[in-house]
Amino acid sequence: MQALSPNDVWLSYRLAGALHNDGAAAQADAVIAALLRQHAQEPAALYAAALYLSG
């Protein structure tokens, strides 16, 4: 699903959350890391990563 919208910050955030909830924390962390690499200067990406890391 993420491949259909690779630039959608909030889709990546939700995917990471779903992966984490399913016990795939390493994959979830990789999604957030990729999000930060691709959108390092985008405030929404930084906010989404902070939300993910806080939860």
PDB file of N, CA and C in Angstrom:
ATOM      1  N   MET A   1       0.822  -1.196   0.000  1.00  0.00           N
ATOM      2  CA  MET A   1       0.000   0.000   0.000  1.00  0.00           C
ATOM      3  C   MET A   1       0.862   1.254   0.000  1.00  0.00           C
ATOM      4  N   GLN A   2       1.948   1.223   0.756  1.00  0.00           N
ATOM      5  CA  GLN A   2       2.830   2.381   0.789  1.00  0.00           C
ATOM      6  C   GLN A   2       3.444   2.642  -0.588  1.00  0.00           C
ATOM      7  N   ALA A   3       3.666   1.588  -1.370  1.00  0.00           N
ATOM      8  CA  ALA A   3       4.244   1.754  -2.692  1.00  0.00           C
ATOM      9  C   ALA A   3       3.339   2.592  -3.596  1.00  0.00           C
ATOM     10  N   LEU A   4       2.048   2.615  -3.315  1.00  0.00           N
ATOM     11  CA  LEU A   4       1.128   3.419  -4.119  1.00  0.00           C
ATOM     12  C   LEU A   4       1.243   4.902  -3.800  1.00  0.00           C
ATOM     13  N   SER A   5       1.688   5.223  -2.591  1.00  0.00           N
ATOM     14  CA  SER A   5       1.819   6.627  -2.162  1.00  0.00           C
ATOM     15  C   SER A   5       3.092   6.808  -1.331  1.00  0.00           C
ATOM     16  N   PRO A   6       4.256   6.638  -1.954  1.00  0.00           N
ATOM     17  CA  PRO A   6       5.493   6.699  -1.167  1.00  0.00           C
ATOM     18  C   PRO A   6       5.773   8.070  -0.558  1.00  0.00           C
ATOM     19  N   ASN A   7       5.136   9.115  -1.059  1.00  0.00           N
ATOM     20  CA  ASN A   7       5.364  10.455  -0.533  1.00  0.00           C
ATOM     21  C   ASN A   7       4.341  10.876   0.507  1.00  0.00           C
ATOM     22  N   ASP A   8       3.449   9.990   0.875  1.00  0.00           N
ATOM     23  CA  ASP A   8       2.421  10.306   1.857  1.00  0.00           C
ATOM     24  C   ASP A   8       2.963  10.060   3.264  1.00  0.00           C
ATOM     25  N   VAL A   9       3.311  11.135   3.943  1.00  0.00           N
ATOM     26  CA  VAL A   9       3.904  11.061   5.281  1.00  0.00           C
ATOM     27  C   VAL A   9       2.991  10.316   6.244  1.00  0.00           C
ATOM     28  N   TRP A  10       1.720  10.645   6.217  1.00  0.00           N
ATOM     29  CA  TRP A  10       0.801  10.056   7.198  1.00  0.00           C
ATOM     30  C   TRP A  10       0.486   8.600   6.900  1.00  0.00           C
ATOM     31  N   LEU A  11       0.544   8.204   5.656  1.00  0.00           N
ATOM     32  CA  LEU A  11       0.400   6.785   5.322  1.00  0.00           C
ATOM     33  C   LEU A  11       1.588   6.003   5.880  1.00  0.00           C
ATOM     34  N   SER A  12       2.781   6.552   5.753  1.00  0.00           N
ATOM     35  CA  SER A  12       3.970   5.910   6.312  1.00  0.00           C
ATOM     36  C   SER A  12       3.868   5.812   7.829  1.00  0.00           C
ATOM     37  N   TYR A  13       3.390   6.857   8.453  1.00  0.00           N
ATOM     38  CA  TYR A  13       3.212   6.860   9.908  1.00  0.00           C
ATOM     39  C   TYR A  13       2.226   5.770  10.340  1.00  0.00           C
ATOM     40  N   ARG A  14       1.112   5.683   9.637  1.00  0.00           N
ATOM     41  CA  ARG A  14       0.107   4.666   9.987  1.00  0.00           C
ATOM     42  C   ARG A  14       0.617   3.256   9.719  1.00  0.00           C
ATOM     43  N   LEU A  15       1.363   3.087   8.633  1.00  0.00           N
ATOM     44  CA  LEU A  15       1.962   1.784   8.338  1.00  0.00           C
ATOM     45  C   LEU A  15       2.929   1.384   9.454  1.00  0.00           C
ATOM     46  N   ALA A  16       3.760   2.309   9.878  1.00  0.00           N
ATOM     47  CA  ALA A  16       4.702   2.017  10.960  1.00  0.00           C
ATOM     48  C   ALA A  16       3.960   1.635  12.240  1.00  0.00           C
ATOM     49  N   GLY A  17       2.887   2.343  12.539  1.00  0.00           N
ATOM     50  CA  GLY A  17       2.101   2.024  13.723  1.00  0.00           C
ATOM     51  C   GLY A  17       1.481   0.643  13.640  1.00  0.00           C
ATOM     52  N   ALA A  18       0.964   0.292  12.474  1.00  0.00           N
ATOM     53  CA  ALA A  18       0.353  -1.028  12.288  1.00  0.00           C
ATOM     54  C   ALA A  18       1.405  -2.125  12.401  1.00  0.00           C
ATOM     55  N   LEU A  19       2.558  -1.905  11.801  1.00  0.00           N
ATOM     56  CA  LEU A  19       3.633  -2.890  11.897  1.00  0.00           C
ATOM     57  C   LEU A  19       4.071  -3.081  13.341  1.00  0.00           C
ATOM     58  N   HIS A  20       4.210  -1.971  14.047  1.00  0.00           N
ATOM     59  CA  HIS A  20       4.624  -2.039  15.450  1.00  0.00           C
ATOM     60  C   HIS A  20       3.598  -2.794  16.281  1.00  0.00           C
ATOM     61  N   ASN A  21       2.330  -2.507  16.057  1.00  0.00           N
ATOM     62  CA  ASN A  21       1.266  -3.190  16.795  1.00  0.00           C
ATOM     63  C   ASN A  21       1.219  -4.686  16.500  1.00  0.00           C
ATOM     64  N   ASP A  22       1.660  -5.069  15.318  1.00  0.00           N
ATOM     65  CA  ASP A  22       1.681  -6.477  14.933  1.00  0.00           C
ATOM     66  C   ASP A  22       2.968  -7.183  15.355  1.00  0.00           C
ATOM     67  N   GLY A  23       3.838  -6.477  16.075  1.00  0.00           N
ATOM     68  CA  GLY A  23       5.062  -7.085  16.572  1.00  0.00           C
ATOM     69  C   GLY A  23       6.258  -6.990  15.649  1.00  0.00           C
ATOM     70  N   ALA A  24       6.140  -6.203  14.604  1.00  0.00           N
ATOM     71  CA  ALA A  24       7.238  -6.038  13.648  1.00  0.00           C
ATOM     72  C   ALA A  24       7.911  -4.686  13.877  1.00  0.00           C
ATOM     73  N   ALA A  25       8.458  -4.517  15.073  1.00  0.00           N
ATOM     74  CA  ALA A  25       9.029  -3.222  15.455  1.00  0.00           C
ATOM     75  C   ALA A  25      10.201  -2.824  14.559  1.00  0.00           C
ATOM     76  N   ALA A  26      11.027  -3.777  14.170  1.00  0.00           N
ATOM     77  CA  ALA A  26      12.176  -3.443  13.319  1.00  0.00           C
ATOM     78  C   ALA A  26      11.718  -2.915  11.962  1.00  0.00           C
ATOM     79  N   GLN A  27      10.681  -3.525  11.403  1.00  0.00           N
ATOM     80  CA  GLN A  27      10.147  -3.042  10.125  1.00  0.00           C
ATOM     81  C   GLN A  27       9.516  -1.664  10.299  1.00  0.00           C
ATOM     82  N   ALA A  28       8.816  -1.470  11.401  1.00  0.00           N
ATOM     83  CA  ALA A  28       8.191  -0.175  11.670  1.00  0.00           C
ATOM     84  C   ALA A  28       9.256   0.908  11.789  1.00  0.00           C
ATOM     85  N   ASP A  29      10.319   0.608  12.505  1.00  0.00           N
ATOM     86  CA  ASP A  29      11.412   1.571  12.647  1.00  0.00           C
ATOM     87  C   ASP A  29      12.038   1.889  11.295  1.00  0.00           C
ATOM     88  N   ALA A  30      12.144   0.884  10.435  1.00  0.00           N
ATOM     89  CA  ALA A  30      12.708   1.097   9.097  1.00  0.00           C
ATOM     90  C   ALA A  30      11.816   2.005   8.260  1.00  0.00           C
ATOM     91  N   VAL A  31      10.502   1.875   8.399  1.00  0.00           N
ATOM     92  CA  VAL A  31       9.581   2.756   7.680  1.00  0.00           C
ATOM     93  C   VAL A  31       9.783   4.201   8.122  1.00  0.00           C
ATOM     94  N   ILE A  32       9.919   4.415   9.431  1.00  0.00           N
ATOM     95  CA  ILE A  32      10.119   5.771   9.947  1.00  0.00           C
ATOM     96  C   ILE A  32      11.487   6.315   9.523  1.00  0.00           C
ATOM     97  N   ALA A  33      12.504   5.462   9.538  1.00  0.00           N
ATOM     98  CA  ALA A  33      13.833   5.897   9.096  1.00  0.00           C
ATOM     99  C   ALA A  33      13.803   6.317   7.623  1.00  0.00           C
ATOM    100  N   ALA A  34      13.118   5.533   6.798  1.00  0.00           N
ATOM    101  CA  ALA A  34      12.997   5.888   5.375  1.00  0.00           C
ATOM    102  C   ALA A  34      12.216   7.187   5.208  1.00  0.00           C
ATOM    103  N   LEU A  35      11.185   7.350   6.003  1.00  0.00           N
ATOM    104  CA  LEU A  35      10.400   8.583   5.975  1.00  0.00           C
ATOM    105  C   LEU A  35      11.293   9.796   6.255  1.00  0.00           C
ATOM    106  N   LEU A  36      12.132   9.670   7.261  1.00  0.00           N
ATOM    107  CA  LEU A  36      13.012  10.784   7.618  1.00  0.00           C
ATOM    108  C   LEU A  36      14.085  11.031   6.559  1.00  0.00           C
ATOM    109  N   ARG A  37      14.573   9.969   5.929  1.00  0.00           N
ATOM    110  CA  ARG A  37      15.560  10.153   4.851  1.00  0.00           C
ATOM    111  C   ARG A  37      14.937  10.873   3.666  1.00  0.00           C
ATOM    112  N   GLN A  38      13.719  10.491   3.312  1.00  0.00           N
ATOM    113  CA  GLN A  38      13.072  11.038   2.122  1.00  0.00           C
ATOM    114  C   GLN A  38      12.505  12.434   2.337  1.00  0.00           C
ATOM    115  N   HIS A  39      12.163  12.757   3.573  1.00  0.00           N
ATOM    116  CA  HIS A  39      11.484  14.026   3.849  1.00  0.00           C
ATOM    117  C   HIS A  39      12.145  14.752   5.030  1.00  0.00           C
ATOM    118  N   ALA A  40      13.457  14.790   5.026  1.00  0.00           N
ATOM    119  CA  ALA A  40      14.213  15.299   6.176  1.00  0.00           C
ATOM    120  C   ALA A  40      13.872  16.746   6.540  1.00  0.00           C
ATOM    121  N   GLN A  41      13.481  17.532   5.583  1.00  0.00           N
ATOM    122  CA  GLN A  41      13.208  18.948   5.841  1.00  0.00           C
ATOM    123  C   GLN A  41      11.713  19.266   5.920  1.00  0.00           C
ATOM    124  N   GLU A  42      10.891  18.252   5.882  1.00  0.00           N
ATOM    125  CA  GLU A  42       9.442  18.476   5.875  1.00  0.00           C
ATOM    126  C   GLU A  42       8.885  18.418   7.307  1.00  0.00           C
ATOM    127  N   PRO A  43       8.303  19.508   7.776  1.00  0.00           N
ATOM    128  CA  PRO A  43       7.804  19.532   9.154  1.00  0.00           C
ATOM    129  C   PRO A  43       6.825  18.405   9.481  1.00  0.00           C
ATOM    130  N   ALA A  44       5.956  18.051   8.561  1.00  0.00           N
ATOM    131  CA  ALA A  44       4.987  16.985   8.826  1.00  0.00           C
ATOM    132  C   ALA A  44       5.700  15.648   9.059  1.00  0.00           C
ATOM    133  N   ALA A  45       6.776  15.389   8.332  1.00  0.00           N
ATOM    134  CA  ALA A  45       7.528  14.147   8.504  1.00  0.00           C
ATOM    135  C   ALA A  45       8.218  14.120   9.867  1.00  0.00           C
ATOM    136  N   LEU A  46       8.789  15.238  10.245  1.00  0.00           N
ATOM    137  CA  LEU A  46       9.439  15.315  11.561  1.00  0.00           C
ATOM    138  C   LEU A  46       8.421  15.125  12.675  1.00  0.00           C
ATOM    139  N   TYR A  47       7.255  15.702  12.511  1.00  0.00           N
ATOM    140  CA  TYR A  47       6.201  15.569  13.509  1.00  0.00           C
ATOM    141  C   TYR A  47       5.708  14.120  13.574  1.00  0.00           C
ATOM    142  N   ALA A  48       5.506  13.504  12.419  1.00  0.00           N
ATOM    143  CA  ALA A  48       5.051  12.119  12.379  1.00  0.00           C
ATOM    144  C   ALA A  48       6.083  11.191  13.037  1.00  0.00           C
ATOM    145  N   ALA A  49       7.339  11.427  12.772  1.00  0.00           N
ATOM    146  CA  ALA A  49       8.388  10.604  13.391  1.00  0.00           C
ATOM    147  C   ALA A  49       8.404  10.797  14.905  1.00  0.00           C
ATOM    148  N   ALA A  50       8.248  12.027  15.340  1.00  0.00           N
ATOM    149  CA  ALA A  50       8.215  12.301  16.781  1.00  0.00           C
ATOM    150  C   ALA A  50       7.019  11.615  17.440  1.00  0.00           C
ATOM    151  N   LEU A  51       5.872  11.665  16.784  1.00  0.00           N
ATOM    152  CA  LEU A  51       4.704  10.975  17.321  1.00  0.00           C
ATOM    153  C   LEU A  51       4.945   9.466  17.425  1.00  0.00           C
ATOM    154  N   TYR A  52       5.519   8.906  16.377  1.00  0.00           N
ATOM    155  CA  TYR A  52       5.802   7.462  16.372  1.00  0.00           C
ATOM    156  C   TYR A  52       6.752   7.117  17.520  1.00  0.00           C
ATOM    157  N   LEU A  53       7.829   7.881  17.654  1.00  0.00           N
ATOM    158  CA  LEU A  53       8.824   7.591  18.683  1.00  0.00           C
ATOM    159  C   LEU A  53       8.321   7.823  20.095  1.00  0.00           C
ATOM    160  N   SER A  54       7.308   8.670  20.243  1.00  0.00           N
ATOM    161  CA  SER A  54       6.783   8.952  21.578  1.00  0.00           C
ATOM    162  C   SER A  54       5.795   7.897  22.035  1.00  0.00           C
ATOM    163  N   GLY A  55       5.309   7.084  21.101  1.00  0.00           N
ATOM    164  CA  GLY A  55       4.255   6.158  21.445  1.00  0.00           C
ATOM    165  C   GLY A  55       4.715   4.791  21.652  1.00  0.00           C
TER     166      GLY A  55
END
